[in-house]
Amino acid sequence: MATTKTNGGAAPKAIGDGVRALQSDTRELLGALEQLTASAGEALREQMDQRPYAAIGAGFLAGYVLGGGLSFRLATFLAAGAARATAAQLVARGLAGSTATRAGGRAS
Protein backbone atom coordinates (compact mmCIF):
# COMPACT_ATOMS: atom_id res chain seq x y z
CA MET A 1 0.00 0.00 0.00
CA ALA A 2 1.55 3.24 -1.12
CA THR A 3 1.18 6.44 0.83
CA THR A 4 1.49 9.87 -0.63
CA LYS A 5 3.23 12.70 1.08
CA THR A 6 1.48 16.05 1.09
CA ASN A 7 2.70 19.39 2.24
CA GLY A 8 0.45 19.83 5.27
CA GLY A 9 1.99 23.14 6.31
CA ALA A 10 0.64 25.30 3.46
CA ALA A 11 -3.09 24.65 3.90
CA PRO A 12 -3.27 25.30 7.68
CA LYS A 13 -1.24 28.49 7.24
CA ALA A 14 -3.66 29.78 4.57
CA ILE A 15 -6.64 28.90 6.74
CA GLY A 16 -5.08 30.67 9.71
CA ASP A 17 -4.50 33.81 7.62
CA GLY A 18 -8.11 33.69 6.45
CA VAL A 19 -9.39 33.35 10.00
CA ARG A 20 -7.26 36.29 11.17
CA ALA A 21 -8.51 38.44 8.28
CA LEU A 22 -12.08 37.46 9.10
CA GLN A 23 -11.57 38.37 12.77
CA SER A 24 -10.11 41.74 11.78
CA ASP A 25 -12.99 42.48 9.41
CA THR A 26 -15.51 41.46 12.07
CA ARG A 27 -13.91 43.82 14.61
CA GLU A 28 -14.06 46.67 12.08
CA LEU A 29 -17.71 45.92 11.33
CA LEU A 30 -18.62 45.81 15.01
CA GLY A 31 -16.82 49.12 15.58
CA ALA A 32 -18.74 50.72 12.71
CA LEU A 33 -22.03 49.36 14.06
CA GLU A 34 -21.25 50.74 17.53
CA GLN A 35 -20.55 54.17 16.04
CA LEU A 36 -23.77 54.01 14.02
CA THR A 37 -25.91 53.06 17.00
CA ALA A 38 -24.27 55.75 19.13
CA SER A 39 -24.93 58.44 16.55
CA ALA A 40 -28.49 57.22 15.98
CA GLY A 41 -29.12 57.25 19.73
CA GLU A 42 -27.69 60.74 19.99
CA ALA A 43 -29.89 61.97 17.14
CA LEU A 44 -32.93 60.36 18.74
CA ARG A 45 -32.18 62.00 22.10
CA GLU A 46 -31.75 65.35 20.36
CA GLN A 47 -35.13 64.97 18.64
CA MET A 48 -36.73 63.97 21.94
CA ASP A 49 -35.38 67.16 23.52
CA GLN A 50 -36.45 69.40 20.64
CA ARG A 51 -39.82 67.81 19.80
CA PRO A 52 -41.03 65.64 22.68
CA TYR A 53 -44.66 65.35 21.57
CA ALA A 54 -43.71 64.39 18.02
CA ALA A 55 -41.34 61.74 19.39
CA ILE A 56 -44.06 60.32 21.62
CA GLY A 57 -46.49 60.31 18.70
CA ALA A 58 -43.95 58.53 16.50
CA GLY A 59 -43.47 55.93 19.22
CA PHE A 60 -47.21 55.33 19.51
CA LEU A 61 -47.52 55.10 15.74
CA ALA A 62 -44.67 52.61 15.48
CA GLY A 63 -46.22 50.48 18.22
CA TYR A 64 -49.60 50.56 16.53
CA VAL A 65 -48.19 49.59 13.14
CA LEU A 66 -45.95 46.85 14.57
CA GLY A 67 -48.90 45.58 16.59
CA GLY A 68 -50.78 44.93 13.35
CA GLY A 69 -53.42 47.62 13.86
CA LEU A 70 -52.87 49.39 10.54
CA SER A 71 -54.74 48.03 7.53
CA PHE A 72 -53.62 48.76 3.99
CA ARG A 73 -56.65 50.95 3.31
CA LEU A 74 -56.09 53.02 6.46
CA ALA A 75 -52.36 53.32 5.68
CA THR A 76 -53.19 54.60 2.17
CA PHE A 77 -55.66 57.11 3.58
CA LEU A 78 -53.17 58.39 6.16
CA ALA A 79 -50.32 58.59 3.64
CA ALA A 80 -52.50 60.57 1.23
CA GLY A 81 -53.51 62.96 4.02
CA ALA A 82 -49.90 63.42 5.08
CA ALA A 83 -48.86 64.09 1.49
CA ARG A 84 -51.59 66.72 1.09
CA ALA A 85 -50.64 68.41 4.36
CA THR A 86 -46.96 68.44 3.40
CA ALA A 87 -47.71 69.85 -0.04
CA ALA A 88 -49.93 72.56 1.46
CA GLN A 89 -47.21 73.49 3.94
CA LEU A 90 -44.56 73.67 1.21
CA VAL A 91 -46.80 75.87 -0.95
CA ALA A 92 -47.55 78.13 2.02
CA ARG A 93 -43.84 78.48 2.81
CA GLY A 94 -43.07 79.19 -0.84
CA LEU A 95 -45.74 81.87 -1.05
CA ALA A 96 -44.67 83.43 2.24
CA GLY A 97 -41.03 83.42 1.11
CA SER A 98 -41.80 85.03 -2.25
CA THR A 99 -44.00 87.67 -0.60
CA ALA A 100 -41.29 88.53 1.95
CA THR A 101 -38.65 88.68 -0.79
CA ARG A 102 -40.76 91.11 -2.85
CA ALA A 103 -41.31 93.29 0.18
CA GLY A 104 -37.53 93.54 0.70
CA GLY A 105 -37.40 91.14 3.62
CA ARG A 106 -35.69 87.81 3.91
CA ALA A 107 -37.45 84.54 3.30
CA SER A 108 -37.48 82.21 6.31
C-alpha atoms as a PDB file:
ATOM      1  CA  MET A   1       0.000   0.000   0.000  1.00  0.00           C
ATOM      2  CA  ALA A   2       1.548   3.239  -1.119  1.00  0.00           C
ATOM      3  CA  THR A   3       1.176   6.437   0.827  1.00  0.00           C
ATOM      4  CA  THR A   4       1.492   9.872  -0.635  1.00  0.00           C
ATOM      5  CA  LYS A   5       3.228  12.697   1.079  1.00  0.00           C
ATOM      6  CA  THR A   6       1.482  16.051   1.095  1.00  0.00           C
ATOM      7  CA  ASN A   7       2.697  19.390   2.236  1.00  0.00           C
ATOM      8  CA  GLY A   8       0.452  19.827   5.271  1.00  0.00           C
ATOM      9  CA  GLY A   9       1.992  23.144   6.309  1.00  0.00           C
ATOM     10  CA  ALA A  10       0.640  25.295   3.462  1.00  0.00           C
ATOM     11  CA  ALA A  11      -3.088  24.653   3.902  1.00  0.00           C
ATOM     12  CA  PRO A  12      -3.271  25.304   7.678  1.00  0.00           C
ATOM     13  CA  LYS A  13      -1.238  28.488   7.241  1.00  0.00           C
ATOM     14  CA  ALA A  14      -3.658  29.779   4.567  1.00  0.00           C
ATOM     15  CA  ILE A  15      -6.640  28.896   6.742  1.00  0.00           C
ATOM     16  CA  GLY A  16      -5.083  30.670   9.714  1.00  0.00           C
ATOM     17  CA  ASP A  17      -4.502  33.808   7.617  1.00  0.00           C
ATOM     18  CA  GLY A  18      -8.112  33.694   6.445  1.00  0.00           C
ATOM     19  CA  VAL A  19      -9.393  33.353  10.001  1.00  0.00           C
ATOM     20  CA  ARG A  20      -7.260  36.292  11.171  1.00  0.00           C
ATOM     21  CA  ALA A  21      -8.508  38.436   8.285  1.00  0.00           C
ATOM     22  CA  LEU A  22     -12.084  37.464   9.100  1.00  0.00           C
ATOM     23  CA  GLN A  23     -11.571  38.373  12.767  1.00  0.00           C
ATOM     24  CA  SER A  24     -10.108  41.742  11.781  1.00  0.00           C
ATOM     25  CA  ASP A  25     -12.989  42.480   9.406  1.00  0.00           C
ATOM     26  CA  THR A  26     -15.510  41.457  12.070  1.00  0.00           C
ATOM     27  CA  ARG A  27     -13.909  43.817  14.608  1.00  0.00           C
ATOM     28  CA  GLU A  28     -14.060  46.671  12.081  1.00  0.00           C
ATOM     29  CA  LEU A  29     -17.710  45.920  11.326  1.00  0.00           C
ATOM     30  CA  LEU A  30     -18.617  45.810  15.006  1.00  0.00           C
ATOM     31  CA  GLY A  31     -16.825  49.124  15.581  1.00  0.00           C
ATOM     32  CA  ALA A  32     -18.737  50.717  12.710  1.00  0.00           C
ATOM     33  CA  LEU A  33     -22.031  49.358  14.064  1.00  0.00           C
ATOM     34  CA  GLU A  34     -21.253  50.739  17.526  1.00  0.00           C
ATOM     35  CA  GLN A  35     -20.555  54.170  16.039  1.00  0.00           C
ATOM     36  CA  LEU A  36     -23.771  54.008  14.018  1.00  0.00           C
ATOM     37  CA  THR A  37     -25.909  53.063  17.005  1.00  0.00           C
ATOM     38  CA  ALA A  38     -24.270  55.747  19.133  1.00  0.00           C
ATOM     39  CA  SER A  39     -24.925  58.440  16.548  1.00  0.00           C
ATOM     40  CA  ALA A  40     -28.486  57.220  15.980  1.00  0.00           C
ATOM     41  CA  GLY A  41     -29.117  57.253  19.727  1.00  0.00           C
ATOM     42  CA  GLU A  42     -27.686  60.744  19.991  1.00  0.00           C
ATOM     43  CA  ALA A  43     -29.889  61.970  17.140  1.00  0.00           C
ATOM     44  CA  LEU A  44     -32.931  60.364  18.744  1.00  0.00           C
ATOM     45  CA  ARG A  45     -32.181  62.004  22.105  1.00  0.00           C
ATOM     46  CA  GLU A  46     -31.754  65.351  20.363  1.00  0.00           C
ATOM     47  CA  GLN A  47     -35.131  64.967  18.642  1.00  0.00           C
ATOM     48  CA  MET A  48     -36.730  63.974  21.943  1.00  0.00           C
ATOM     49  CA  ASP A  49     -35.380  67.164  23.522  1.00  0.00           C
ATOM     50  CA  GLN A  50     -36.453  69.398  20.642  1.00  0.00           C
ATOM     51  CA  ARG A  51     -39.822  67.808  19.801  1.00  0.00           C
ATOM     52  CA  PRO A  52     -41.029  65.644  22.680  1.00  0.00           C
ATOM     53  CA  TYR A  53     -44.655  65.352  21.568  1.00  0.00           C
ATOM     54  CA  ALA A  54     -43.713  64.392  18.016  1.00  0.00           C
ATOM     55  CA  ALA A  55     -41.339  61.744  19.391  1.00  0.00           C
ATOM     56  CA  ILE A  56     -44.060  60.317  21.625  1.00  0.00           C
ATOM     57  CA  GLY A  57     -46.487  60.306  18.704  1.00  0.00           C
ATOM     58  CA  ALA A  58     -43.954  58.526  16.503  1.00  0.00           C
ATOM     59  CA  GLY A  59     -43.475  55.930  19.225  1.00  0.00           C
ATOM     60  CA  PHE A  60     -47.214  55.326  19.514  1.00  0.00           C
ATOM     61  CA  LEU A  61     -47.523  55.104  15.736  1.00  0.00           C
ATOM     62  CA  ALA A  62     -44.666  52.609  15.479  1.00  0.00           C
ATOM     63  CA  GLY A  63     -46.218  50.480  18.219  1.00  0.00           C
ATOM     64  CA  TYR A  64     -49.602  50.560  16.527  1.00  0.00           C
ATOM     65  CA  VAL A  65     -48.187  49.586  13.143  1.00  0.00           C
ATOM     66  CA  LEU A  66     -45.950  46.855  14.575  1.00  0.00           C
ATOM     67  CA  GLY A  67     -48.896  45.578  16.593  1.00  0.00           C
ATOM     68  CA  GLY A  68     -50.782  44.934  13.351  1.00  0.00           C
ATOM     69  CA  GLY A  69     -53.416  47.622  13.858  1.00  0.00           C
ATOM     70  CA  LEU A  70     -52.871  49.394  10.541  1.00  0.00           C
ATOM     71  CA  SER A  71     -54.736  48.032   7.535  1.00  0.00           C
ATOM     72  CA  PHE A  72     -53.618  48.765   3.989  1.00  0.00           C
ATOM     73  CA  ARG A  73     -56.649  50.947   3.313  1.00  0.00           C
ATOM     74  CA  LEU A  74     -56.087  53.017   6.458  1.00  0.00           C
ATOM     75  CA  ALA A  75     -52.364  53.324   5.675  1.00  0.00           C
ATOM     76  CA  THR A  76     -53.194  54.599   2.170  1.00  0.00           C
ATOM     77  CA  PHE A  77     -55.664  57.107   3.579  1.00  0.00           C
ATOM     78  CA  LEU A  78     -53.171  58.386   6.162  1.00  0.00           C
ATOM     79  CA  ALA A  79     -50.324  58.585   3.636  1.00  0.00           C
ATOM     80  CA  ALA A  80     -52.500  60.573   1.229  1.00  0.00           C
ATOM     81  CA  GLY A  81     -53.510  62.957   4.017  1.00  0.00           C
ATOM     82  CA  ALA A  82     -49.902  63.424   5.084  1.00  0.00           C
ATOM     83  CA  ALA A  83     -48.857  64.092   1.488  1.00  0.00           C
ATOM     84  CA  ARG A  84     -51.594  66.722   1.089  1.00  0.00           C
ATOM     85  CA  ALA A  85     -50.637  68.405   4.356  1.00  0.00           C
ATOM     86  CA  THR A  86     -46.960  68.439   3.397  1.00  0.00           C
ATOM     87  CA  ALA A  87     -47.708  69.851  -0.044  1.00  0.00           C
ATOM     88  CA  ALA A  88     -49.932  72.563   1.456  1.00  0.00           C
ATOM     89  CA  GLN A  89     -47.206  73.487   3.940  1.00  0.00           C
ATOM     90  CA  LEU A  90     -44.565  73.674   1.211  1.00  0.00           C
ATOM     91  CA  VAL A  91     -46.803  75.870  -0.948  1.00  0.00           C
ATOM     92  CA  ALA A  92     -47.548  78.134   2.017  1.00  0.00           C
ATOM     93  CA  ARG A  93     -43.844  78.479   2.810  1.00  0.00           C
ATOM     94  CA  GLY A  94     -43.069  79.185  -0.837  1.00  0.00           C
ATOM     95  CA  LEU A  95     -45.743  81.874  -1.048  1.00  0.00           C
ATOM     96  CA  ALA A  96     -44.669  83.426   2.243  1.00  0.00           C
ATOM     97  CA  GLY A  97     -41.029  83.417   1.109  1.00  0.00           C
ATOM     98  CA  SER A  98     -41.799  85.027  -2.250  1.00  0.00           C
ATOM     99  CA  THR A  99     -43.999  87.671  -0.600  1.00  0.00           C
ATOM    100  CA  ALA A 100     -41.288  88.532   1.948  1.00  0.00           C
ATOM    101  CA  THR A 101     -38.651  88.683  -0.791  1.00  0.00           C
ATOM    102  CA  ARG A 102     -40.760  91.107  -2.847  1.00  0.00           C
ATOM    103  CA  ALA A 103     -41.306  93.290   0.182  1.00  0.00           C
ATOM    104  CA  GLY A 104     -37.526  93.537   0.695  1.00  0.00           C
ATOM    105  CA  GLY A 105     -37.397  91.144   3.624  1.00  0.00           C
ATOM    106  CA  ARG A 106     -35.686  87.807   3.907  1.00  0.00           C
ATOM    107  CA  ALA A 107     -37.454  84.535   3.303  1.00  0.00           C
ATOM    108  CA  SER A 108     -37.475  82.214   6.313  1.00  0.00           C
END
